[in-house]
Amino acid sequence: MSSGTTNSGADRLIGSYTAYIGREDLFASDGVRLSQPWQILRQDRANVHRFGIRHSGDSGDSFFASANNRATMERMVMQGRISPAAARAIVTGGSLVEVSIYGSGSTGRYLDIKVNY
């Protein structure tokens, strides 16, 4: 399943990563259960980059090492398209997600998200 906005001619692949959505990714740092796929994807990257929590299947990326870019990522997912099945798989956890980041230079504009069930 994919999520993304329309690809403009100037945008190119600027990064990618894979993530296993584990139990730790389903909860905010304060322990509150997250209910939206974009919240969980953002928490996964915070867990990898800020808290050092990695699951088997998680890969690193340089783009989302920045808290500002993680906030941008959340907006790109929230404003993009994601199938109901992919959203449920992320919110439930236990799925492997492949994320491709498209943009120009160091500016990400949209994501292509694939969930492997």
PDB file of N, CA and C in Angstrom:
ATOM      1  N   MET A   1       0.846  -1.169   0.000  1.00  0.00           N
ATOM      2  CA  MET A   1       0.000   0.000   0.000  1.00  0.00           C
ATOM      3  C   MET A   1       0.889   1.229   0.000  1.00  0.00           C
ATOM      4  N   SER A   2       0.445   2.296  -0.597  1.00  0.00           N
ATOM      5  CA  SER A   2       1.265   3.486  -0.711  1.00  0.00           C
ATOM      6  C   SER A   2       0.534   4.705  -0.192  1.00  0.00           C
ATOM      7  N   SER A   3       1.322   5.684   0.181  1.00  0.00           N
ATOM      8  CA  SER A   3       0.819   6.984   0.566  1.00  0.00           C
ATOM      9  C   SER A   3       1.739   7.997  -0.065  1.00  0.00           C
ATOM     10  N   GLY A   4       1.206   9.101  -0.525  1.00  0.00           N
ATOM     11  CA  GLY A   4       2.076  10.129  -1.069  1.00  0.00           C
ATOM     12  C   GLY A   4       1.267  11.229  -1.707  1.00  0.00           C
ATOM     13  N   THR A   5       1.942  12.320  -2.019  1.00  0.00           N
ATOM     14  CA  THR A   5       1.316  13.398  -2.743  1.00  0.00           C
ATOM     15  C   THR A   5       1.825  13.348  -4.162  1.00  0.00           C
ATOM     16  N   THR A   6       1.327  14.218  -4.988  1.00  0.00           N
ATOM     17  CA  THR A   6       1.724  14.200  -6.387  1.00  0.00           C
ATOM     18  C   THR A   6       3.189  14.561  -6.539  1.00  0.00           C
ATOM     19  N   ASN A   7       3.881  13.815  -7.358  1.00  0.00           N
ATOM     20  CA  ASN A   7       5.299  14.017  -7.605  1.00  0.00           C
ATOM     21  C   ASN A   7       5.483  15.111  -8.640  1.00  0.00           C
ATOM     22  N   SER A   8       6.109  16.226  -8.243  1.00  0.00           N
ATOM     23  CA  SER A   8       6.412  17.258  -9.227  1.00  0.00           C
ATOM     24  C   SER A   8       7.699  16.877  -9.943  1.00  0.00           C
ATOM     25  N   GLY A   9       7.913  17.450 -11.111  1.00  0.00           N
ATOM     26  CA  GLY A   9       9.066  17.107 -11.922  1.00  0.00           C
ATOM     27  C   GLY A   9      10.393  17.369 -11.242  1.00  0.00           C
ATOM     28  N   ALA A  10      10.459  18.323 -10.311  1.00  0.00           N
ATOM     29  CA  ALA A  10      11.722  18.673  -9.663  1.00  0.00           C
ATOM     30  C   ALA A  10      12.061  17.750  -8.498  1.00  0.00           C
ATOM     31  N   ASP A  11      11.093  17.002  -8.011  1.00  0.00           N
ATOM     32  CA  ASP A  11      11.341  16.145  -6.858  1.00  0.00           C
ATOM     33  C   ASP A  11      12.057  14.868  -7.274  1.00  0.00           C
ATOM     34  N   ARG A  12      12.937  14.412  -6.380  1.00  0.00           N
ATOM     35  CA  ARG A  12      13.663  13.164  -6.608  1.00  0.00           C
ATOM     36  C   ARG A  12      13.772  12.430  -5.284  1.00  0.00           C
ATOM     37  N   LEU A  13      14.167  11.179  -5.343  1.00  0.00           N
ATOM     38  CA  LEU A  13      14.363  10.389  -4.127  1.00  0.00           C
ATOM     39  C   LEU A  13      15.544  10.970  -3.359  1.00  0.00           C
ATOM     40  N   ILE A  14      15.312  11.392  -2.116  1.00  0.00           N
ATOM     41  CA  ILE A  14      16.400  11.955  -1.310  1.00  0.00           C
ATOM     42  C   ILE A  14      16.732  11.091  -0.097  1.00  0.00           C
ATOM     43  N   GLY A  15      15.976  10.034   0.131  1.00  0.00           N
ATOM     44  CA  GLY A  15      16.266   9.132   1.239  1.00  0.00           C
ATOM     45  C   GLY A  15      15.227   8.039   1.334  1.00  0.00           C
ATOM     46  N   SER A  16      15.567   7.009   2.106  1.00  0.00           N
ATOM     47  CA  SER A  16      14.619   5.921   2.337  1.00  0.00           C
ATOM     48  C   SER A  16      15.036   5.153   3.581  1.00  0.00           C
ATOM     49  N   TYR A  17      14.096   4.418   4.126  1.00  0.00           N
ATOM     50  CA  TYR A  17      14.389   3.554   5.269  1.00  0.00           C
ATOM     51  C   TYR A  17      13.303   2.496   5.391  1.00  0.00           C
ATOM     52  N   THR A  18      13.594   1.472   6.175  1.00  0.00           N
ATOM     53  CA  THR A  18      12.592   0.479   6.546  1.00  0.00           C
ATOM     54  C   THR A  18      12.424   0.518   8.057  1.00  0.00           C
ATOM     55  N   ALA A  19      11.236   0.179   8.496  1.00  0.00           N
ATOM     56  CA  ALA A  19      10.956   0.173   9.932  1.00  0.00           C
ATOM     57  C   ALA A  19      10.003  -0.960  10.263  1.00  0.00           C
ATOM     58  N   TYR A  20      10.310  -1.666  11.328  1.00  0.00           N
ATOM     59  CA  TYR A  20       9.364  -2.611  11.904  1.00  0.00           C
ATOM     60  C   TYR A  20       8.605  -1.836  12.971  1.00  0.00           C
ATOM     61  N   ILE A  21       7.284  -1.818  12.884  1.00  0.00           N
ATOM     62  CA  ILE A  21       6.473  -1.093  13.863  1.00  0.00           C
ATOM     63  C   ILE A  21       6.235  -2.007  15.060  1.00  0.00           C
ATOM     64  N   GLY A  22       7.012  -1.767  16.102  1.00  0.00           N
ATOM     65  CA  GLY A  22       6.940  -2.560  17.320  1.00  0.00           C
ATOM     66  C   GLY A  22       6.128  -1.874  18.402  1.00  0.00           C
ATOM     67  N   ARG A  23       5.963  -2.552  19.515  1.00  0.00           N
ATOM     68  CA  ARG A  23       5.156  -2.037  20.623  1.00  0.00           C
ATOM     69  C   ARG A  23       5.604  -0.647  21.077  1.00  0.00           C
ATOM     70  N   GLU A  24       6.909  -0.423  21.169  1.00  0.00           N
ATOM     71  CA  GLU A  24       7.412   0.878  21.637  1.00  0.00           C
ATOM     72  C   GLU A  24       7.012   2.018  20.703  1.00  0.00           C
ATOM     73  N   ASP A  25       6.797   1.705  19.440  1.00  0.00           N
ATOM     74  CA  ASP A  25       6.424   2.730  18.466  1.00  0.00           C
ATOM     75  C   ASP A  25       4.963   3.146  18.591  1.00  0.00           C
ATOM     76  N   LEU A  26       4.168   2.339  19.259  1.00  0.00           N
ATOM     77  CA  LEU A  26       2.734   2.595  19.382  1.00  0.00           C
ATOM     78  C   LEU A  26       2.392   3.556  20.514  1.00  0.00           C
ATOM     79  N   PHE A  27       3.391   3.941  21.308  1.00  0.00           N
ATOM     80  CA  PHE A  27       3.167   4.799  22.472  1.00  0.00           C
ATOM     81  C   PHE A  27       4.061   6.026  22.413  1.00  0.00           C
ATOM     82  N   ALA A  28       3.493   7.176  22.778  1.00  0.00           N
ATOM     83  CA  ALA A  28       4.271   8.409  22.880  1.00  0.00           C
ATOM     84  C   ALA A  28       5.246   8.287  24.046  1.00  0.00           C
ATOM     85  N   SER A  29       6.186   9.194  24.090  1.00  0.00           N
ATOM     86  CA  SER A  29       7.197   9.181  25.152  1.00  0.00           C
ATOM     87  C   SER A  29       6.581   9.280  26.540  1.00  0.00           C
ATOM     88  N   ASP A  30       5.386   9.889  26.642  1.00  0.00           N
ATOM     89  CA  ASP A  30       4.717  10.008  27.944  1.00  0.00           C
ATOM     90  C   ASP A  30       3.815   8.814  28.257  1.00  0.00           C
ATOM     91  N   GLY A  31       3.841   7.780  27.388  1.00  0.00           N
ATOM     92  CA  GLY A  31       3.080   6.564  27.641  1.00  0.00           C
ATOM     93  C   GLY A  31       1.692   6.519  27.031  1.00  0.00           C
ATOM     94  N   VAL A  32       1.250   7.598  26.410  1.00  0.00           N
ATOM     95  CA  VAL A  32      -0.078   7.643  25.798  1.00  0.00           C
ATOM     96  C   VAL A  32      -0.076   6.829  24.503  1.00  0.00           C
ATOM     97  N   ARG A  33      -1.111   5.989  24.316  1.00  0.00           N
ATOM     98  CA  ARG A  33      -1.233   5.160  23.110  1.00  0.00           C
ATOM     99  C   ARG A  33      -1.538   6.053  21.915  1.00  0.00           C
ATOM    100  N   LEU A  34      -0.754   5.935  20.870  1.00  0.00           N
ATOM    101  CA  LEU A  34      -0.961   6.712  19.651  1.00  0.00           C
ATOM    102  C   LEU A  34      -2.030   6.046  18.795  1.00  0.00           C
ATOM    103  N   SER A  35      -2.835   6.849  18.103  1.00  0.00           N
ATOM    104  CA  SER A  35      -3.971   6.296  17.366  1.00  0.00           C
ATOM    105  C   SER A  35      -3.953   6.589  15.870  1.00  0.00           C
ATOM    106  N   GLN A  36      -2.992   7.364  15.408  1.00  0.00           N
ATOM    107  CA  GLN A  36      -2.927   7.719  13.993  1.00  0.00           C
ATOM    108  C   GLN A  36      -1.623   7.206  13.384  1.00  0.00           C
ATOM    109  N   PRO A  37      -1.652   6.761  12.124  1.00  0.00           N
ATOM    110  CA  PRO A  37      -0.437   6.211  11.515  1.00  0.00           C
ATOM    111  C   PRO A  37       0.716   7.211  11.473  1.00  0.00           C
ATOM    112  N   TRP A  38       0.431   8.485  11.212  1.00  0.00           N
ATOM    113  CA  TRP A  38       1.512   9.471  11.150  1.00  0.00           C
ATOM    114  C   TRP A  38       2.160   9.676  12.511  1.00  0.00           C
ATOM    115  N   GLN A  39       1.395   9.557  13.590  1.00  0.00           N
ATOM    116  CA  GLN A  39       1.976   9.666  14.929  1.00  0.00           C
ATOM    117  C   GLN A  39       2.937   8.507  15.185  1.00  0.00           C
ATOM    118  N   ILE A  40       2.539   7.327  14.769  1.00  0.00           N
ATOM    119  CA  ILE A  40       3.335   6.119  15.012  1.00  0.00           C
ATOM    120  C   ILE A  40       4.601   6.129  14.171  1.00  0.00           C
ATOM    121  N   LEU A  41       4.503   6.542  12.915  1.00  0.00           N
ATOM    122  CA  LEU A  41       5.698   6.627  12.072  1.00  0.00           C
ATOM    123  C   LEU A  41       6.684   7.652  12.621  1.00  0.00           C
ATOM    124  N   ARG A  42       6.167   8.766  13.111  1.00  0.00           N
ATOM    125  CA  ARG A  42       7.043   9.779  13.708  1.00  0.00           C
ATOM    126  C   ARG A  42       7.692   9.240  14.986  1.00  0.00           C
ATOM    127  N   GLN A  43       6.918   8.552  15.818  1.00  0.00           N
ATOM    128  CA  GLN A  43       7.473   7.989  17.053  1.00  0.00           C
ATOM    129  C   GLN A  43       8.538   6.952  16.745  1.00  0.00           C
ATOM    130  N   ASP A  44       8.327   6.149  15.702  1.00  0.00           N
ATOM    131  CA  ASP A  44       9.339   5.173  15.300  1.00  0.00           C
ATOM    132  C   ASP A  44      10.665   5.861  15.005  1.00  0.00           C
ATOM    133  N   ARG A  45      10.632   6.950  14.255  1.00  0.00           N
ATOM    134  CA  ARG A  45      11.883   7.651  13.918  1.00  0.00           C
ATOM    135  C   ARG A  45      12.476   8.328  15.142  1.00  0.00           C
ATOM    136  N   ALA A  46      11.650   8.842  16.056  1.00  0.00           N
ATOM    137  CA  ALA A  46      12.174   9.399  17.310  1.00  0.00           C
ATOM    138  C   ALA A  46      12.820   8.296  18.134  1.00  0.00           C
ATOM    139  N   ASN A  47      12.195   7.125  18.166  1.00  0.00           N
ATOM    140  CA  ASN A  47      12.778   6.004  18.907  1.00  0.00           C
ATOM    141  C   ASN A  47      14.143   5.640  18.347  1.00  0.00           C
ATOM    142  N   VAL A  48      14.276   5.606  17.035  1.00  0.00           N
ATOM    143  CA  VAL A  48      15.555   5.258  16.407  1.00  0.00           C
ATOM    144  C   VAL A  48      16.593   6.347  16.660  1.00  0.00           C
ATOM    145  N   HIS A  49      16.246   7.601  16.385  1.00  0.00           N
ATOM    146  CA  HIS A  49      17.236   8.681  16.402  1.00  0.00           C
ATOM    147  C   HIS A  49      17.455   9.312  17.772  1.00  0.00           C
ATOM    148  N   ARG A  50      16.420   9.440  18.572  1.00  0.00           N
ATOM    149  CA  ARG A  50      16.554  10.147  19.851  1.00  0.00           C
ATOM    150  C   ARG A  50      16.741   9.203  21.036  1.00  0.00           C
ATOM    151  N   PHE A  51      16.012   8.087  21.015  1.00  0.00           N
ATOM    152  CA  PHE A  51      16.001   7.205  22.177  1.00  0.00           C
ATOM    153  C   PHE A  51      16.812   5.931  21.998  1.00  0.00           C
ATOM    154  N   GLY A  52      17.334   5.679  20.804  1.00  0.00           N
ATOM    155  CA  GLY A  52      18.161   4.500  20.563  1.00  0.00           C
ATOM    156  C   GLY A  52      17.402   3.183  20.609  1.00  0.00           C
ATOM    157  N   ILE A  53      16.100   3.225  20.360  1.00  0.00           N
ATOM    158  CA  ILE A  53      15.282   2.003  20.354  1.00  0.00           C
ATOM    159  C   ILE A  53      15.143   1.540  18.912  1.00  0.00           C
ATOM    160  N   ARG A  54      15.694   0.367  18.615  1.00  0.00           N
ATOM    161  CA  ARG A  54      15.623  -0.199  17.267  1.00  0.00           C
ATOM    162  C   ARG A  54      15.069  -1.609  17.341  1.00  0.00           C
ATOM    163  N   HIS A  55      14.279  -1.940  16.347  1.00  0.00           N
ATOM    164  CA  HIS A  55      13.769  -3.298  16.192  1.00  0.00           C
ATOM    165  C   HIS A  55      14.488  -3.950  15.027  1.00  0.00           C
ATOM    166  N   SER A  56      14.471  -5.269  15.005  1.00  0.00           N
ATOM    167  CA  SER A  56      14.959  -5.982  13.833  1.00  0.00           C
ATOM    168  C   SER A  56      14.099  -5.523  12.661  1.00  0.00           C
ATOM    169  N   GLY A  57      14.710  -5.110  11.594  1.00  0.00           N
ATOM    170  CA  GLY A  57      13.971  -4.570  10.458  1.00  0.00           C
ATOM    171  C   GLY A  57      14.052  -3.062  10.367  1.00  0.00           C
ATOM    172  N   ASP A  58      14.469  -2.386  11.448  1.00  0.00           N
ATOM    173  CA  ASP A  58      14.652  -0.933  11.402  1.00  0.00           C
ATOM    174  C   ASP A  58      15.981  -0.617  10.735  1.00  0.00           C
ATOM    175  N   SER A  59      15.957   0.314   9.814  1.00  0.00           N
ATOM    176  CA  SER A  59      17.209   0.811   9.248  1.00  0.00           C
ATOM    177  C   SER A  59      17.345   2.280   9.612  1.00  0.00           C
ATOM    178  N   GLY A  60      18.554   2.764   9.530  1.00  0.00           N
ATOM    179  CA  GLY A  60      18.802   4.162   9.830  1.00  0.00           C
ATOM    180  C   GLY A  60      18.503   5.034   8.625  1.00  0.00           C
ATOM    181  N   ASP A  61      18.435   6.312   8.862  1.00  0.00           N
ATOM    182  CA  ASP A  61      18.318   7.309   7.804  1.00  0.00           C
ATOM    183  C   ASP A  61      18.881   8.603   8.364  1.00  0.00           C
ATOM    184  N   SER A  62      19.369   9.464   7.520  1.00  0.00           N
ATOM    185  CA  SER A  62      19.897  10.737   8.007  1.00  0.00           C
ATOM    186  C   SER A  62      18.833  11.829   8.004  1.00  0.00           C
ATOM    187  N   PHE A  63      17.852  11.727   7.136  1.00  0.00           N
ATOM    188  CA  PHE A  63      16.855  12.784   6.990  1.00  0.00           C
ATOM    189  C   PHE A  63      16.050  12.992   8.271  1.00  0.00           C
ATOM    190  N   PHE A  64      15.572  11.922   8.878  1.00  0.00           N
ATOM    191  CA  PHE A  64      14.716  12.049  10.052  1.00  0.00           C
ATOM    192  C   PHE A  64      15.482  12.065  11.370  1.00  0.00           C
ATOM    193  N   ALA A  65      16.809  12.218  11.300  1.00  0.00           N
ATOM    194  CA  ALA A  65      17.588  12.449  12.518  1.00  0.00           C
ATOM    195  C   ALA A  65      17.222  13.808  13.115  1.00  0.00           C
ATOM    196  N   SER A  66      16.741  14.714  12.292  1.00  0.00           N
ATOM    197  CA  SER A  66      16.332  16.049  12.717  1.00  0.00           C
ATOM    198  C   SER A  66      14.892  16.030  13.234  1.00  0.00           C
ATOM    199  N   ALA A  67      14.680  16.591  14.429  1.00  0.00           N
ATOM    200  CA  ALA A  67      13.323  16.686  14.982  1.00  0.00           C
ATOM    201  C   ALA A  67      12.424  17.507  14.062  1.00  0.00           C
ATOM    202  N   ASN A  68      12.973  18.545  13.434  1.00  0.00           N
ATOM    203  CA  ASN A  68      12.180  19.352  12.498  1.00  0.00           C
ATOM    204  C   ASN A  68      11.737  18.523  11.301  1.00  0.00           C
ATOM    205  N   ASN A  69      12.616  17.681  10.792  1.00  0.00           N
ATOM    206  CA  ASN A  69      12.232  16.820   9.671  1.00  0.00           C
ATOM    207  C   ASN A  69      11.213  15.776  10.096  1.00  0.00           C
ATOM    208  N   ARG A  70      11.309  15.292  11.336  1.00  0.00           N
ATOM    209  CA  ARG A  70      10.287  14.348  11.817  1.00  0.00           C
ATOM    210  C   ARG A  70       8.923  15.029  11.856  1.00  0.00           C
ATOM    211  N   ALA A  71       8.878  16.302  12.251  1.00  0.00           N
ATOM    212  CA  ALA A  71       7.615  17.049  12.248  1.00  0.00           C
ATOM    213  C   ALA A  71       7.107  17.227  10.819  1.00  0.00           C
ATOM    214  N   THR A  72       8.006  17.477   9.886  1.00  0.00           N
ATOM    215  CA  THR A  72       7.642  17.596   8.473  1.00  0.00           C
ATOM    216  C   THR A  72       7.099  16.277   7.959  1.00  0.00           C
ATOM    217  N   MET A  73       7.736  15.185   8.368  1.00  0.00           N
ATOM    218  CA  MET A  73       7.293  13.854   7.951  1.00  0.00           C
ATOM    219  C   MET A  73       5.852  13.612   8.386  1.00  0.00           C
ATOM    220  N   GLU A  74       5.539  13.980   9.608  1.00  0.00           N
ATOM    221  CA  GLU A  74       4.186  13.782  10.111  1.00  0.00           C
ATOM    222  C   GLU A  74       3.177  14.527   9.240  1.00  0.00           C
ATOM    223  N   ARG A  75       3.483  15.765   8.891  1.00  0.00           N
ATOM    224  CA  ARG A  75       2.581  16.541   8.036  1.00  0.00           C
ATOM    225  C   ARG A  75       2.462  15.918   6.645  1.00  0.00           C
ATOM    226  N   MET A  76       3.581  15.421   6.094  1.00  0.00           N
ATOM    227  CA  MET A  76       3.540  14.816   4.760  1.00  0.00           C
ATOM    228  C   MET A  76       2.644  13.580   4.743  1.00  0.00           C
ATOM    229  N   VAL A  77       2.684  12.787   5.802  1.00  0.00           N
ATOM    230  CA  VAL A  77       1.825  11.598   5.873  1.00  0.00           C
ATOM    231  C   VAL A  77       0.381  12.016   6.103  1.00  0.00           C
ATOM    232  N   MET A  78       0.162  12.928   7.050  1.00  0.00           N
ATOM    233  CA  MET A  78      -1.181  13.337   7.417  1.00  0.00           C
ATOM    234  C   MET A  78      -1.901  13.983   6.232  1.00  0.00           C
ATOM    235  N   GLN A  79      -1.183  14.744   5.423  1.00  0.00           N
ATOM    236  CA  GLN A  79      -1.795  15.436   4.292  1.00  0.00           C
ATOM    237  C   GLN A  79      -1.778  14.597   3.014  1.00  0.00           C
ATOM    238  N   GLY A  80      -1.087  13.489   3.037  1.00  0.00           N
ATOM    239  CA  GLY A  80      -1.011  12.628   1.863  1.00  0.00           C
ATOM    240  C   GLY A  80      -2.162  11.638   1.827  1.00  0.00           C
ATOM    241  N   ARG A  81      -1.943  10.564   1.112  1.00  0.00           N
ATOM    242  CA  ARG A  81      -2.953   9.508   0.999  1.00  0.00           C
ATOM    243  C   ARG A  81      -2.378   8.230   1.592  1.00  0.00           C
ATOM    244  N   ILE A  82      -3.228   7.535   2.309  1.00  0.00           N
ATOM    245  CA  ILE A  82      -2.833   6.236   2.840  1.00  0.00           C
ATOM    246  C   ILE A  82      -4.084   5.360   2.844  1.00  0.00           C
ATOM    247  N   SER A  83      -3.951   4.150   2.383  1.00  0.00           N
ATOM    248  CA  SER A  83      -5.134   3.282   2.327  1.00  0.00           C
ATOM    249  C   SER A  83      -5.579   2.925   3.742  1.00  0.00           C
ATOM    250  N   PRO A  84      -6.861   2.675   3.933  1.00  0.00           N
ATOM    251  CA  PRO A  84      -7.340   2.258   5.249  1.00  0.00           C
ATOM    252  C   PRO A  84      -6.630   0.996   5.753  1.00  0.00           C
ATOM    253  N   ALA A  85      -6.337   0.055   4.857  1.00  0.00           N
ATOM    254  CA  ALA A  85      -5.655  -1.182   5.276  1.00  0.00           C
ATOM    255  C   ALA A  85      -4.238  -0.890   5.758  1.00  0.00           C
ATOM    256  N   ALA A  86      -3.523  -0.021   5.062  1.00  0.00           N
ATOM    257  CA  ALA A  86      -2.163   0.332   5.475  1.00  0.00           C
ATOM    258  C   ALA A  86      -2.191   1.091   6.799  1.00  0.00           C
ATOM    259  N   ALA A  87      -3.136   2.005   6.951  1.00  0.00           N
ATOM    260  CA  ALA A  87      -3.263   2.753   8.205  1.00  0.00           C
ATOM    261  C   ALA A  87      -3.536   1.807   9.367  1.00  0.00           C
ATOM    262  N   ARG A  88      -4.440   0.847   9.175  1.00  0.00           N
ATOM    263  CA  ARG A  88      -4.745  -0.131  10.240  1.00  0.00           C
ATOM    264  C   ARG A  88      -3.520  -0.956  10.592  1.00  0.00           C
ATOM    265  N   ALA A  89      -2.763  -1.379   9.580  1.00  0.00           N
ATOM    266  CA  ALA A  89      -1.573  -2.198   9.834  1.00  0.00           C
ATOM    267  C   ALA A  89      -0.552  -1.431  10.665  1.00  0.00           C
ATOM    268  N   ILE A  90      -0.376  -0.148  10.380  1.00  0.00           N
ATOM    269  CA  ILE A  90       0.569   0.664  11.148  1.00  0.00           C
ATOM    270  C   ILE A  90       0.058   0.852  12.569  1.00  0.00           C
ATOM    271  N   VAL A  91      -1.219   1.191  12.731  1.00  0.00           N
ATOM    272  CA  VAL A  91      -1.792   1.445  14.060  1.00  0.00           C
ATOM    273  C   VAL A  91      -1.810   0.176  14.903  1.00  0.00           C
ATOM    274  N   THR A  92      -2.001  -0.971  14.280  1.00  0.00           N
ATOM    275  CA  THR A  92      -1.999  -2.245  15.007  1.00  0.00           C
ATOM    276  C   THR A  92      -0.593  -2.643  15.427  1.00  0.00           C
ATOM    277  N   GLY A  93       0.390  -2.312  14.595  1.00  0.00           N
ATOM    278  CA  GLY A  93       1.779  -2.694  14.869  1.00  0.00           C
ATOM    279  C   GLY A  93       2.087  -4.064  14.308  1.00  0.00           C
ATOM    280  N   GLY A  94       3.355  -4.421  14.350  1.00  0.00           N
ATOM    281  CA  GLY A  94       3.783  -5.717  13.869  1.00  0.00           C
ATOM    282  C   GLY A  94       3.987  -5.783  12.368  1.00  0.00           C
ATOM    283  N   SER A  95       4.025  -4.633  11.698  1.00  0.00           N
ATOM    284  CA  SER A  95       4.210  -4.625  10.247  1.00  0.00           C
ATOM    285  C   SER A  95       5.558  -4.004   9.881  1.00  0.00           C
ATOM    286  N   LEU A  96       6.042  -4.367   8.711  1.00  0.00           N
ATOM    287  CA  LEU A  96       7.274  -3.799   8.171  1.00  0.00           C
ATOM    288  C   LEU A  96       6.887  -2.717   7.177  1.00  0.00           C
ATOM    289  N   VAL A  97       7.457  -1.536   7.355  1.00  0.00           N
ATOM    290  CA  VAL A  97       7.120  -0.375   6.546  1.00  0.00           C
ATOM    291  C   VAL A  97       8.354   0.051   5.758  1.00  0.00           C
ATOM    292  N   GLU A  98       8.170   0.336   4.474  1.00  0.00           N
ATOM    293  CA  GLU A  98       9.237   0.885   3.631  1.00  0.00           C
ATOM    294  C   GLU A  98       8.847   2.312   3.279  1.00  0.00           C
ATOM    295  N   VAL A  99       9.722   3.271   3.602  1.00  0.00           N
ATOM    296  CA  VAL A  99       9.426   4.682   3.363  1.00  0.00           C
ATOM    297  C   VAL A  99      10.466   5.260   2.416  1.00  0.00           C
ATOM    298  N   SER A 100       9.995   5.882   1.349  1.00  0.00           N
ATOM    299  CA  SER A 100      10.855   6.611   0.414  1.00  0.00           C
ATOM    300  C   SER A 100      10.521   8.090   0.541  1.00  0.00           C
ATOM    301  N   ILE A 101      11.556   8.916   0.660  1.00  0.00           N
ATOM    302  CA  ILE A 101      11.403  10.353   0.863  1.00  0.00           C
ATOM    303  C   ILE A 101      11.739  11.052  -0.449  1.00  0.00           C
ATOM    304  N   TYR A 102      10.811  11.850  -0.938  1.00  0.00           N
ATOM    305  CA  TYR A 102      11.020  12.586  -2.182  1.00  0.00           C
ATOM    306  C   TYR A 102      11.010  14.080  -1.902  1.00  0.00           C
ATOM    307  N   GLY A 103      11.875  14.804  -2.595  1.00  0.00           N
ATOM    308  CA  GLY A 103      11.941  16.241  -2.445  1.00  0.00           C
ATOM    309  C   GLY A 103      13.030  16.813  -3.311  1.00  0.00           C
ATOM    310  N   SER A 104      13.541  17.946  -2.885  1.00  0.00           N
ATOM    311  CA  SER A 104      14.586  18.646  -3.618  1.00  0.00           C
ATOM    312  C   SER A 104      15.636  19.114  -2.624  1.00  0.00           C
ATOM    313  N   GLY A 105      16.903  18.803  -2.892  1.00  0.00           N
ATOM    314  CA  GLY A 105      17.967  19.163  -1.960  1.00  0.00           C
ATOM    315  C   GLY A 105      17.751  18.463  -0.636  1.00  0.00           C
ATOM    316  N   SER A 106      17.683  19.244   0.434  1.00  0.00           N
ATOM    317  CA  SER A 106      17.456  18.655   1.755  1.00  0.00           C
ATOM    318  C   SER A 106      16.016  18.858   2.226  1.00  0.00           C
ATOM    319  N   THR A 107      15.132  19.260   1.324  1.00  0.00           N
ATOM    320  CA  THR A 107      13.737  19.517   1.668  1.00  0.00           C
ATOM    321  C   THR A 107      12.859  18.365   1.200  1.00  0.00           C
ATOM    322  N   GLY A 108      12.278  17.651   2.148  1.00  0.00           N
ATOM    323  CA  GLY A 108      11.349  16.581   1.818  1.00  0.00           C
ATOM    324  C   GLY A 108       9.976  17.147   1.520  1.00  0.00           C
ATOM    325  N   ARG A 109       9.334  16.632   0.473  1.00  0.00           N
ATOM    326  CA  ARG A 109       8.015  17.129   0.086  1.00  0.00           C
ATOM    327  C   ARG A 109       6.915  16.088   0.273  1.00  0.00           C
ATOM    328  N   TYR A 110       7.219  14.835  -0.003  1.00  0.00           N
ATOM    329  CA  TYR A 110       6.203  13.800   0.164  1.00  0.00           C
ATOM    330  C   TYR A 110       6.881  12.455   0.376  1.00  0.00           C
ATOM    331  N   LEU A 111       6.084  11.502   0.846  1.00  0.00           N
ATOM    332  CA  LEU A 111       6.572  10.159   1.138  1.00  0.00           C
ATOM    333  C   LEU A 111       5.823   9.139   0.305  1.00  0.00           C
ATOM    334  N   ASP A 112       6.530   8.083  -0.044  1.00  0.00           N
ATOM    335  CA  ASP A 112       5.892   6.894  -0.611  1.00  0.00           C
ATOM    336  C   ASP A 112       6.041   5.822   0.460  1.00  0.00           C
ATOM    337  N   ILE A 113       4.921   5.340   0.983  1.00  0.00           N
ATOM    338  CA  ILE A 113       4.935   4.390   2.095  1.00  0.00           C
ATOM    339  C   ILE A 113       4.349   3.074   1.633  1.00  0.00           C
ATOM    340  N   LYS A 114       5.089   2.008   1.842  1.00  0.00           N
ATOM    341  CA  LYS A 114       4.615   0.663   1.529  1.00  0.00           C
ATOM    342  C   LYS A 114       4.616  -0.143   2.815  1.00  0.00           C
ATOM    343  N   VAL A 115       3.510  -0.805   3.087  1.00  0.00           N
ATOM    344  CA  VAL A 115       3.389  -1.656   4.265  1.00  0.00           C
ATOM    345  C   VAL A 115       3.375  -3.098   3.790  1.00  0.00           C
ATOM    346  N   ASN A 116       4.293  -3.894   4.318  1.00  0.00           N
ATOM    347  CA  ASN A 116       4.338  -5.322   4.003  1.00  0.00           C
ATOM    348  C   ASN A 116       3.593  -6.067   5.095  1.00  0.00           C
ATOM    349  N   TYR A 117       2.531  -6.733   4.718  1.00  0.00           N
ATOM    350  CA  TYR A 117       1.677  -7.417   5.691  1.00  0.00           C
ATOM    351  C   TYR A 117       2.228  -8.770   6.020  1.00  0.00           C
TER     352      TYR A 117
END
